[in-house]
Amino acid sequence: MVRRVKGPTDHVVIVGAGLAGLSAALRLAGAGRKVTVVERESVPGGRNGLLNKSGYSFDTGPSVLTMPDLIADAFASVGENMSDWLELSPLRPIYRAFYADGSQLDVHANTAEMEVEIAKTIGSEEAAGYRKYVDFVTKLYKFEMNDFIDRNIDSPLNLLTPNLARLIALGGFRKLAPKVSQFLKDPRTQKIYSFQAMYAGVSPQQALAIYAVIAYMDSVNGVFFPKGGMHAVPRALAAAAEKHGVIFKYNTTVTSVEHRNGRATAVVTDSDERIECDVVVLNPDLPVAWRDLLGKSPLSIKRLKYSPSCVTLQIGSNKSYSHLAHHNIHFGESWDGVFDELIKKKTLMTDPSLLVTIPTHDDKSLAPAGKNSYYVLFPTPNLDADI
């Protein structure tokens, strides 16, 4: 059972207009609450940011969009259809993988197309292994989604469901890399169907097999691109929220949350404005919310380490490359060793793998006429080791 706030909940203040804050705003507005969103930047989006420069529109945050049904669900909470606000196109291929031996592999969400691609590039036995792998990750998704992903976990007891036993029987709590190799024998397919663990900051060798559900979300369920770039998503969510009465205060930083008897009563901004409310929803990172906004010291501190970081390059160019797709992954020859360098030794990869995304491949409006934009992501260690 989800824990509920007791007492009045008529006016809700949401701190932060990132994707989570925008989704919360729509759902609360749909439930009849008065909602005010306070955002320190001049636009919505949070980490899903935007940089306009010299006629280019660069997305400064995520570049891979999966699970569009979750976005549609946020719109539906206020009776809106996502298609009226946002134009999404499935990417074909979803990735183009380039390998150190000179071979390449197009990754398709359509399993029949992908079987043909693997059989053509690697062989029929690997294609048969791919079919078994898809069956595995599909079951993972079925068992994980409702009970563990799309669910509030208020107590460890919430995890004790029949699907937990099914995940154990399926091998979901073994290591990811060995589990993938049960189905896929070629290093090329092993890489393309296990690298997704890095989205969660974990190497494929150290991640549990349940992380393969991320591969289902992109490589089976599909990857999409919004017209207008990734920042079109928060713009559309904010516009729909405003239509349904949500008030946005941009260029405003919340400096503290007032609370009494276990209830939030107001937020205070950097201009000393006090916004009274019944409930506060905090979208910032938990350490920031706890330390800076609530002014509380934890009873105990668990020493943690940051996951790997990355360097991204935003490039505007008059060059175009016909052999590239929208998302391109350039895999180095080394695999296990570079994760040791990145995570354990905290050094740069000596044989790196790179993601190169070309937003203008599918939307020419994101760059001046005749030019292209490129987003290059290079994994790096995070040198701020301790939290």
Protein backbone atom coordinates (compact mmCIF):
# COMPACT_ATOMS: atom_id res chain seq x y z
CA MET A 1 0.00 0.00 0.00
CA VAL A 2 1.30 3.48 -0.87
CA ARG A 3 1.75 5.80 2.09
CA ARG A 4 -0.41 8.90 1.82
CA VAL A 5 -0.06 12.42 3.16
CA LYS A 6 -2.55 13.05 5.95
CA GLY A 7 -4.40 16.34 6.16
CA PRO A 8 -5.04 19.00 3.51
CA THR A 9 -3.30 18.68 0.13
CA ASP A 10 -5.03 21.46 -1.78
CA HIS A 11 -1.93 23.46 -2.82
CA VAL A 12 1.22 21.62 -3.88
CA VAL A 13 4.54 23.31 -4.60
CA ILE A 14 6.93 21.35 -6.80
CA VAL A 15 10.60 22.30 -6.63
CA GLY A 16 12.22 21.73 -10.01
CA ALA A 17 10.75 21.52 -13.51
CA GLY A 18 12.71 18.47 -14.60
CA LEU A 19 10.91 15.54 -16.16
CA ALA A 20 9.89 14.14 -12.77
CA GLY A 21 8.62 17.52 -11.60
CA LEU A 22 6.64 18.04 -14.79
CA SER A 23 5.11 14.58 -14.59
CA ALA A 24 4.13 15.20 -10.96
CA ALA A 25 2.62 18.56 -11.90
CA LEU A 26 0.40 17.00 -14.56
CA ARG A 27 -0.74 14.17 -12.32
CA LEU A 28 -1.52 16.47 -9.40
CA ALA A 29 -3.33 18.95 -11.64
CA GLY A 30 -5.33 16.05 -13.04
CA ALA A 31 -6.23 15.09 -9.47
CA GLY A 32 -7.66 18.56 -8.87
CA ARG A 33 -4.82 20.13 -6.89
CA LYS A 34 -3.58 23.70 -7.24
CA VAL A 35 0.03 23.30 -8.40
CA THR A 36 2.94 25.75 -8.43
CA VAL A 37 6.27 24.71 -9.97
CA VAL A 38 9.38 26.67 -8.94
CA GLU A 39 12.35 26.34 -11.31
CA ARG A 40 15.74 28.05 -11.02
CA GLU A 41 16.39 27.99 -14.79
CA SER A 42 14.58 30.05 -17.43
CA VAL A 43 13.09 26.98 -19.14
CA PRO A 44 11.71 23.60 -18.05
CA GLY A 45 13.66 20.39 -18.45
CA GLY A 46 16.22 20.14 -15.67
CA ARG A 47 18.97 17.83 -16.91
CA ASN A 48 17.02 17.53 -20.15
CA GLY A 49 18.50 20.90 -21.05
CA LEU A 50 18.91 23.06 -24.15
CA LEU A 51 21.72 25.20 -25.56
CA ASN A 52 20.91 27.59 -28.41
CA LYS A 53 24.08 28.83 -30.09
CA SER A 54 24.89 30.22 -33.54
CA GLY A 55 21.68 28.87 -35.04
CA TYR A 56 22.08 25.39 -33.52
CA SER A 57 19.77 23.83 -30.94
CA PHE A 58 21.85 21.44 -28.84
CA ASP A 59 20.29 19.03 -26.34
CA THR A 60 22.58 19.07 -23.32
CA GLY A 61 21.07 16.08 -21.53
CA PRO A 62 19.78 12.68 -22.59
CA SER A 63 19.84 11.71 -26.25
CA VAL A 64 18.06 8.33 -26.16
CA LEU A 65 14.27 8.31 -25.67
CA THR A 66 12.56 5.03 -24.79
CA MET A 67 9.21 4.04 -23.27
CA PRO A 68 7.07 6.82 -24.80
CA ASP A 69 3.99 5.30 -23.16
CA LEU A 70 5.20 6.79 -19.87
CA ILE A 71 5.15 10.26 -21.41
CA ALA A 72 1.73 9.59 -22.91
CA ASP A 73 0.48 8.55 -19.47
CA ALA A 74 1.50 11.92 -18.01
CA PHE A 75 -0.47 13.74 -20.70
CA ALA A 76 -3.43 11.41 -20.20
CA SER A 77 -3.61 12.36 -16.51
CA VAL A 78 -5.06 15.73 -17.59
CA GLY A 79 -7.09 14.26 -20.46
CA GLU A 80 -4.60 15.17 -23.20
CA ASN A 81 -3.29 13.07 -26.08
CA MET A 82 0.49 13.08 -26.43
CA SER A 83 0.22 13.23 -30.22
CA ASP A 84 -1.43 16.66 -29.95
CA TRP A 85 1.64 18.02 -28.15
CA LEU A 86 4.61 15.98 -29.26
CA GLU A 87 5.65 14.32 -32.52
CA LEU A 88 7.73 11.19 -31.93
CA SER A 89 9.32 9.09 -34.68
CA PRO A 90 10.77 5.60 -34.19
CA LEU A 91 14.42 5.37 -35.18
CA ARG A 92 15.43 2.81 -37.80
CA PRO A 93 17.97 1.54 -36.97
CA ILE A 94 17.90 2.40 -33.30
CA TYR A 95 21.69 2.09 -33.17
CA ARG A 96 24.44 1.47 -35.70
CA ALA A 97 27.33 -0.35 -34.07
CA PHE A 98 30.88 -0.12 -35.41
CA TYR A 99 33.51 -2.59 -34.21
CA ALA A 100 37.31 -2.59 -34.07
CA ASP A 101 37.52 -5.35 -36.71
CA GLY A 102 35.80 -3.09 -39.25
CA SER A 103 32.41 -4.81 -39.14
CA GLN A 104 29.15 -3.06 -38.31
CA LEU A 105 25.73 -4.12 -37.10
CA ASP A 106 22.43 -2.26 -37.38
CA VAL A 107 20.25 -2.77 -34.30
CA HIS A 108 16.51 -3.01 -34.98
CA ALA A 109 13.65 -3.13 -32.50
CA ASN A 110 11.74 -5.37 -34.91
CA THR A 111 12.90 -8.83 -33.89
CA ALA A 112 12.39 -10.36 -37.34
CA GLU A 113 14.57 -7.65 -38.91
CA MET A 114 17.18 -8.12 -36.21
CA GLU A 115 17.32 -11.87 -36.72
CA VAL A 116 18.03 -11.28 -40.41
CA GLU A 117 20.70 -8.68 -39.57
CA ILE A 118 22.49 -10.99 -37.12
CA ALA A 119 22.24 -14.00 -39.43
CA LYS A 120 23.69 -11.96 -42.30
CA THR A 121 26.52 -10.38 -40.30
CA ILE A 122 27.41 -13.13 -37.81
CA GLY A 123 25.50 -16.33 -38.53
CA SER A 124 22.29 -18.28 -38.05
CA GLU A 125 23.31 -19.80 -34.70
CA GLU A 126 23.81 -16.32 -33.24
CA ALA A 127 20.41 -15.30 -34.63
CA ALA A 128 18.85 -18.25 -32.82
CA GLY A 129 20.60 -17.17 -29.61
CA TYR A 130 19.22 -13.66 -30.12
CA ARG A 131 15.67 -15.05 -30.24
CA LYS A 132 16.24 -16.75 -26.87
CA TYR A 133 17.75 -13.56 -25.47
CA VAL A 134 14.69 -11.53 -26.52
CA ASP A 135 12.48 -14.08 -24.77
CA PHE A 136 14.62 -13.67 -21.63
CA VAL A 137 14.52 -9.85 -21.50
CA THR A 138 10.80 -9.82 -22.35
CA LYS A 139 10.13 -12.00 -19.30
CA LEU A 140 12.37 -9.74 -17.22
CA TYR A 141 10.31 -6.74 -18.24
CA LYS A 142 7.05 -8.54 -17.50
CA PHE A 143 8.21 -9.54 -14.02
CA GLU A 144 9.97 -6.27 -13.13
CA MET A 145 7.81 -3.47 -14.51
CA ASN A 146 4.70 -3.47 -12.34
CA ASP A 147 6.22 -4.79 -9.12
CA PHE A 148 9.64 -3.14 -9.04
CA ILE A 149 9.96 -0.31 -11.59
CA ASP A 150 6.59 1.41 -11.94
CA ARG A 151 5.82 1.20 -8.23
CA ASN A 152 6.36 3.09 -4.99
CA ILE A 153 8.51 1.06 -2.61
CA ASP A 154 7.74 2.23 0.92
CA SER A 155 8.96 -0.89 2.71
CA PRO A 156 11.21 -3.89 1.93
CA LEU A 157 8.08 -5.97 2.37
CA ASN A 158 6.75 -4.38 -0.84
CA LEU A 159 9.40 -6.38 -2.72
CA LEU A 160 8.05 -9.72 -1.55
CA THR A 161 5.85 -10.60 -4.50
CA PRO A 162 5.43 -13.73 -6.64
CA ASN A 163 7.39 -11.99 -9.37
CA LEU A 164 10.44 -11.81 -7.10
CA ALA A 165 10.53 -15.61 -7.05
CA ARG A 166 10.08 -15.65 -10.82
CA LEU A 167 13.02 -13.27 -11.27
CA ILE A 168 15.21 -15.48 -9.09
CA ALA A 169 14.23 -18.57 -11.08
CA LEU A 170 14.92 -16.73 -14.33
CA GLY A 171 18.46 -15.90 -13.21
CA GLY A 172 17.84 -12.20 -12.77
CA PHE A 173 20.17 -11.94 -9.77
CA ARG A 174 23.17 -13.48 -11.46
CA LYS A 175 25.77 -11.26 -13.13
CA LEU A 176 24.70 -9.64 -16.39
CA ALA A 177 27.67 -10.42 -18.66
CA PRO A 178 27.70 -14.21 -18.02
CA LYS A 179 23.91 -14.31 -18.37
CA VAL A 180 24.02 -12.55 -21.74
CA SER A 181 26.75 -14.94 -22.90
CA GLN A 182 24.41 -17.87 -22.28
CA PHE A 183 22.43 -16.68 -25.29
CA LEU A 184 24.88 -14.64 -27.36
CA LYS A 185 28.31 -16.08 -28.17
CA ASP A 186 29.76 -13.38 -30.42
CA PRO A 187 31.50 -10.44 -28.68
CA ARG A 188 29.73 -8.02 -31.01
CA THR A 189 26.23 -8.99 -29.93
CA GLN A 190 27.34 -9.37 -26.31
CA LYS A 191 28.47 -5.75 -26.33
CA ILE A 192 25.41 -4.29 -28.03
CA TYR A 193 23.02 -6.08 -25.66
CA SER A 194 24.86 -5.42 -22.39
CA PHE A 195 26.32 -1.90 -22.65
CA GLN A 196 22.99 -0.48 -21.41
CA ALA A 197 24.03 -1.26 -17.82
CA MET A 198 26.30 1.77 -18.10
CA TYR A 199 23.16 3.93 -18.27
CA ALA A 200 22.84 3.06 -14.58
CA GLY A 201 26.57 3.59 -13.95
CA VAL A 202 27.39 -0.11 -13.59
CA SER A 203 29.67 -2.21 -15.77
CA PRO A 204 28.13 -5.25 -17.52
CA GLN A 205 30.53 -7.45 -15.54
CA GLN A 206 29.33 -6.14 -12.17
CA ALA A 207 25.66 -5.47 -12.93
CA LEU A 208 22.98 -7.98 -12.06
CA ALA A 209 21.13 -9.62 -14.93
CA ILE A 210 17.96 -7.71 -14.00
CA TYR A 211 19.66 -4.70 -15.63
CA ALA A 212 19.09 -6.40 -18.98
CA VAL A 213 15.59 -4.98 -18.74
CA ILE A 214 17.15 -1.71 -19.98
CA ALA A 215 18.13 -3.53 -23.17
CA TYR A 216 14.50 -4.54 -23.56
CA MET A 217 13.41 -0.93 -23.17
CA ASP A 218 15.57 0.29 -26.05
CA SER A 219 16.63 -2.63 -28.24
CA VAL A 220 13.28 -4.46 -28.21
CA ASN A 221 10.69 -1.81 -27.35
CA GLY A 222 12.36 0.81 -29.57
CA VAL A 223 14.09 4.19 -29.48
CA PHE A 224 12.30 7.37 -30.56
CA PHE A 225 13.20 10.93 -31.47
CA PRO A 226 10.97 13.96 -30.91
CA LYS A 227 10.62 16.60 -33.60
CA GLY A 228 12.37 19.67 -32.25
CA GLY A 229 14.92 17.62 -30.33
CA MET A 230 14.88 16.04 -26.90
CA HIS A 231 14.03 19.34 -25.23
CA ALA A 232 10.69 19.23 -27.04
CA VAL A 233 9.57 16.73 -24.38
CA PRO A 234 9.77 19.04 -21.32
CA ARG A 235 8.48 21.96 -23.38
CA ALA A 236 5.39 19.96 -24.33
CA LEU A 237 4.81 18.68 -20.79
CA ALA A 238 5.10 22.19 -19.35
CA ALA A 239 2.76 23.65 -21.97
CA ALA A 240 0.11 21.03 -21.23
CA ALA A 241 0.50 21.65 -17.50
CA GLU A 242 0.05 25.41 -17.97
CA LYS A 243 -3.09 24.79 -20.01
CA HIS A 244 -4.51 22.93 -17.03
CA GLY A 245 -3.76 25.64 -14.50
CA VAL A 246 -0.26 24.83 -13.26
CA ILE A 247 1.68 28.00 -12.36
CA PHE A 248 5.38 28.10 -13.27
CA LYS A 249 7.86 30.42 -11.57
CA TYR A 250 11.06 30.36 -13.65
CA ASN A 251 14.38 31.98 -12.74
CA THR A 252 13.48 31.36 -9.12
CA THR A 253 15.56 29.31 -6.69
CA VAL A 254 14.06 27.68 -3.61
CA THR A 255 16.45 28.18 -0.70
CA SER A 256 14.55 26.37 2.04
CA VAL A 257 11.41 24.46 2.92
CA GLU A 258 9.50 25.48 6.03
CA HIS A 259 7.94 22.62 7.95
CA ARG A 260 6.05 22.15 11.19
CA ASN A 261 4.86 19.01 12.97
CA GLY A 262 6.14 16.82 10.17
CA ARG A 263 4.35 18.79 7.45
CA ALA A 264 5.72 21.21 4.86
CA THR A 265 4.06 24.61 5.17
CA ALA A 266 5.92 26.84 2.68
CA VAL A 267 8.97 27.28 0.48
CA VAL A 268 11.24 30.33 0.61
CA THR A 269 12.95 31.61 -2.54
CA ASP A 270 16.16 33.53 -3.22
CA SER A 271 14.13 36.74 -3.47
CA ASP A 272 12.74 36.10 0.05
CA GLU A 273 9.32 35.27 -1.37
CA ARG A 274 7.41 32.86 0.84
CA ILE A 275 5.01 30.54 -0.98
CA GLU A 276 2.59 28.88 1.40
CA CYS A 277 1.41 25.38 0.56
CA ASP A 278 0.07 22.15 1.97
CA VAL A 279 2.57 19.80 0.33
CA VAL A 280 6.04 20.15 -1.20
CA VAL A 281 7.37 17.79 -3.87
CA LEU A 282 11.16 17.93 -4.15
CA ASN A 283 12.64 17.11 -7.55
CA PRO A 284 16.35 17.89 -6.81
CA ASP A 285 18.85 15.15 -5.98
CA LEU A 286 18.26 13.69 -2.52
CA PRO A 287 21.52 14.98 -0.92
CA VAL A 288 20.73 18.50 -2.15
CA ALA A 289 17.13 18.33 -0.95
CA TRP A 290 18.11 16.94 2.45
CA ARG A 291 21.05 19.24 3.16
CA ASP A 292 20.19 22.51 1.41
CA LEU A 293 16.40 22.65 1.44
CA LEU A 294 15.32 20.77 4.55
CA GLY A 295 18.33 21.77 6.65
CA LYS A 296 18.53 18.35 8.25
CA SER A 297 21.51 16.24 9.21
CA PRO A 298 21.12 12.51 8.60
CA LEU A 299 21.20 10.19 11.60
CA SER A 300 24.01 8.28 9.92
CA ILE A 301 26.03 8.67 6.75
CA LYS A 302 26.62 5.76 4.42
CA ARG A 303 29.83 6.32 2.50
CA LEU A 304 29.12 5.95 -1.19
CA LYS A 305 31.07 6.46 -4.37
CA TYR A 306 29.94 8.23 -7.49
CA SER A 307 29.35 6.15 -10.59
CA PRO A 308 31.34 6.98 -13.75
CA SER A 309 30.76 10.30 -15.45
CA CYS A 310 31.17 11.37 -19.06
CA VAL A 311 32.42 14.15 -21.26
CA THR A 312 30.07 15.31 -24.00
CA LEU A 313 30.93 17.35 -27.05
CA GLN A 314 28.32 19.49 -28.81
CA ILE A 315 29.56 20.06 -32.35
CA GLY A 316 28.11 22.15 -35.15
CA SER A 317 29.64 21.36 -38.52
CA ASN A 318 29.18 21.68 -42.27
CA LYS A 319 30.36 18.07 -42.59
CA SER A 320 27.97 15.18 -43.17
CA TYR A 321 28.67 11.45 -43.07
CA SER A 322 26.33 9.25 -45.09
CA HIS A 323 27.50 6.02 -43.43
CA LEU A 324 26.26 7.13 -39.99
CA ALA A 325 22.80 6.63 -38.47
CA HIS A 326 21.09 8.75 -35.80
CA HIS A 327 22.78 6.90 -32.90
CA ASN A 328 26.20 5.36 -33.55
CA ILE A 329 28.21 3.33 -31.06
CA HIS A 330 31.90 2.92 -31.84
CA PHE A 331 33.13 -0.03 -29.78
CA GLY A 332 36.80 -0.41 -28.92
CA GLU A 333 38.39 -3.84 -29.07
CA SER A 334 38.89 -4.05 -25.32
CA TRP A 335 35.82 -4.52 -23.13
CA ASP A 336 36.28 -5.98 -19.65
CA GLY A 337 39.59 -4.19 -19.13
CA VAL A 338 38.32 -0.70 -19.90
CA PHE A 339 35.63 -0.97 -17.22
CA ASP A 340 38.32 -1.81 -14.66
CA GLU A 341 40.15 1.33 -15.79
CA LEU A 342 37.02 3.44 -15.64
CA ILE A 343 35.50 2.22 -12.37
CA LYS A 344 38.21 0.57 -10.28
CA LYS A 345 41.34 2.49 -11.30
CA LYS A 346 39.47 5.73 -12.09
CA THR A 347 41.51 6.38 -15.21
CA LEU A 348 40.53 7.14 -18.79
CA MET A 349 39.77 4.20 -21.05
CA THR A 350 42.87 3.28 -23.07
CA ASP A 351 40.64 1.72 -25.75
CA PRO A 352 37.42 3.72 -25.42
CA SER A 353 33.96 3.18 -26.82
CA LEU A 354 32.04 6.27 -27.94
CA LEU A 355 28.44 7.24 -28.64
CA VAL A 356 27.95 9.63 -31.56
CA THR A 357 24.44 11.01 -32.00
CA ILE A 358 23.38 13.11 -34.99
CA PRO A 359 20.09 14.90 -34.16
CA THR A 360 19.99 16.54 -37.61
CA HIS A 361 19.86 13.08 -39.17
CA ASP A 362 16.13 13.20 -38.42
CA ASP A 363 15.43 16.91 -37.86
CA LYS A 364 17.23 19.43 -40.06
CA SER A 365 15.64 22.35 -38.18
CA LEU A 366 18.10 21.83 -35.31
CA ALA A 367 20.97 23.39 -37.29
CA PRO A 368 21.45 26.17 -39.85
CA ALA A 369 20.73 25.21 -43.46
CA GLY A 370 23.32 22.81 -44.86
CA LYS A 371 24.87 22.06 -41.47
CA ASN A 372 24.67 19.25 -38.93
CA SER A 373 24.86 18.90 -35.17
CA TYR A 374 26.78 16.12 -33.43
CA TYR A 375 26.61 14.90 -29.84
CA VAL A 376 29.64 12.84 -28.80
CA LEU A 377 29.67 11.05 -25.44
CA PHE A 378 32.91 9.75 -23.95
CA PRO A 379 32.74 7.80 -20.63
CA THR A 380 35.12 9.08 -17.96
CA PRO A 381 35.78 8.27 -14.30
CA ASN A 382 34.32 10.50 -11.65
CA LEU A 383 37.22 11.78 -9.59
CA ASP A 384 35.02 13.02 -6.73
CA ALA A 385 35.17 9.57 -5.24
CA ASP A 386 33.28 9.89 -1.97
CA ILE A 387 29.82 11.25 -1.25
